[in-house]
Amino acid sequence: MAAGKNLLWFLIELANAEPYQMETGELEILGEDEQGRECTSNVSINGLAQEAANRIRAANEAIHSAIVNPDATAAIAKLREFSANQLRLDMPDTPLTEPTLDQQ
């Protein structure tokens, strides 16, 4: 499984899913394609959890490496590289707005 830039979105969908929606071990994600047409994708819950764990582990390693690096410029460059390669996110110069879980 490769969620790419959709990992956070898929995790939020999983967090908001009803128990019956996870009985098969897959989560049906609803979305739109590039032309605006509705589409669905079945995502393995185990695969999603493994990808999230791998990215969290890589983030911890990148953060640790940046903290122990005395050169702040190099540390920022390492974090930007990590963001681009591991998280598959663009690192804007402005703060990111994180999605939040729906409170139901």
Protein backbone atom coordinates (compact mmCIF):
# COMPACT_ATOMS: atom_id res chain seq x y z
CA MET A 1 0.00 0.00 0.00
CA ALA A 2 1.21 3.49 -0.76
CA ALA A 3 -1.02 6.22 0.61
CA GLY A 4 1.39 8.95 -0.46
CA LYS A 5 0.08 12.40 0.37
CA ASN A 6 -3.22 10.82 1.43
CA LEU A 7 -1.88 9.08 4.55
CA LEU A 8 -3.18 11.66 7.03
CA TRP A 9 -6.55 11.84 5.25
CA PHE A 10 -6.87 8.03 5.32
CA LEU A 11 -5.96 7.91 9.02
CA ILE A 12 -8.60 10.54 9.80
CA GLU A 13 -11.16 8.52 7.83
CA LEU A 14 -10.16 5.43 9.84
CA ALA A 15 -10.48 7.31 13.14
CA ASN A 16 -13.99 8.45 12.17
CA ALA A 17 -15.15 5.06 10.83
CA GLU A 18 -17.84 3.04 12.54
CA PRO A 19 -16.78 -0.43 13.78
CA TYR A 20 -18.90 -2.22 11.15
CA GLN A 21 -16.97 -0.37 8.42
CA MET A 22 -13.75 -2.14 9.49
CA GLU A 23 -15.02 -5.73 9.76
CA THR A 24 -13.39 -6.82 6.49
CA GLY A 25 -9.95 -5.41 7.38
CA GLU A 26 -10.36 -2.76 4.70
CA LEU A 27 -11.72 0.75 4.79
CA GLU A 28 -13.65 2.19 1.86
CA ILE A 29 -12.47 5.74 1.17
CA LEU A 30 -14.72 8.05 -0.84
CA GLY A 31 -13.18 10.81 -2.91
CA GLU A 32 -13.02 12.52 -6.28
CA ASP A 33 -10.68 12.05 -9.21
CA GLU A 34 -8.97 14.87 -11.13
CA GLN A 35 -12.12 15.46 -13.19
CA GLY A 36 -14.32 15.79 -10.09
CA ARG A 37 -16.01 12.41 -10.49
CA GLU A 38 -16.83 10.49 -7.32
CA CYS A 39 -14.74 7.38 -6.76
CA THR A 40 -13.93 4.90 -4.02
CA SER A 41 -10.82 3.06 -2.92
CA ASN A 42 -10.50 0.14 -0.52
CA VAL A 43 -7.55 0.60 1.83
CA SER A 44 -6.05 -2.19 3.94
CA ILE A 45 -6.21 -1.17 7.60
CA ASN A 46 -3.07 -3.19 8.40
CA GLY A 47 -1.24 -1.68 5.43
CA LEU A 48 -2.32 1.81 6.48
CA ALA A 49 -1.09 1.24 10.04
CA GLN A 50 2.25 -0.14 8.79
CA GLU A 51 2.83 2.82 6.47
CA ALA A 52 1.98 5.26 9.26
CA ALA A 53 4.35 3.45 11.65
CA ASN A 54 7.15 3.52 9.07
CA ARG A 55 6.71 7.25 8.47
CA ILE A 56 6.55 8.02 12.21
CA ARG A 57 9.75 6.02 12.75
CA ALA A 58 11.47 7.88 9.90
CA ALA A 59 10.22 11.22 11.28
CA ASN A 60 11.63 10.42 14.71
CA GLU A 61 14.98 9.55 13.16
CA ALA A 62 15.03 12.77 11.09
CA ILE A 63 14.09 14.89 14.10
CA HIS A 64 16.73 13.21 16.27
CA SER A 65 19.33 13.72 13.57
CA ALA A 66 18.39 17.40 13.25
CA ILE A 67 18.51 17.94 17.01
CA VAL A 68 21.98 16.46 17.44
CA ASN A 69 23.27 18.38 14.41
CA PRO A 70 24.93 21.62 15.63
CA ASP A 71 24.42 23.35 12.28
CA ALA A 72 20.84 24.72 12.21
CA THR A 73 20.88 25.27 8.44
CA ALA A 74 21.81 21.66 7.82
CA ALA A 75 19.16 20.52 10.31
CA ILE A 76 16.43 22.48 8.53
CA ALA A 77 17.60 21.11 5.19
CA LYS A 78 17.43 17.55 6.58
CA LEU A 79 13.89 18.10 7.85
CA ARG A 80 12.80 19.58 4.51
CA GLU A 81 14.34 16.63 2.68
CA PHE A 82 12.60 14.22 5.04
CA SER A 83 9.29 16.00 4.53
CA ALA A 84 9.60 15.82 0.77
CA ASN A 85 10.77 12.20 0.62
CA GLN A 86 9.11 10.42 3.52
CA LEU A 87 5.97 12.37 4.28
CA ARG A 88 5.51 13.37 0.66
CA LEU A 89 4.44 16.82 1.74
CA ASP A 90 5.55 20.18 0.47
CA MET A 91 7.19 22.26 3.21
CA PRO A 92 5.81 25.78 2.73
CA ASP A 93 7.42 28.75 4.39
CA THR A 94 4.12 29.42 6.15
CA PRO A 95 2.78 27.25 8.99
CA LEU A 96 0.71 24.24 8.01
CA THR A 97 -2.91 23.93 9.03
CA GLU A 98 -3.45 20.37 10.22
CA PRO A 99 -6.74 18.61 9.61
CA THR A 100 -8.67 17.73 12.75
CA LEU A 101 -10.80 14.75 13.63
CA ASP A 102 -14.54 15.33 13.51
CA GLN A 103 -16.02 15.38 16.98
CA GLN A 104 -19.21 13.33 16.80
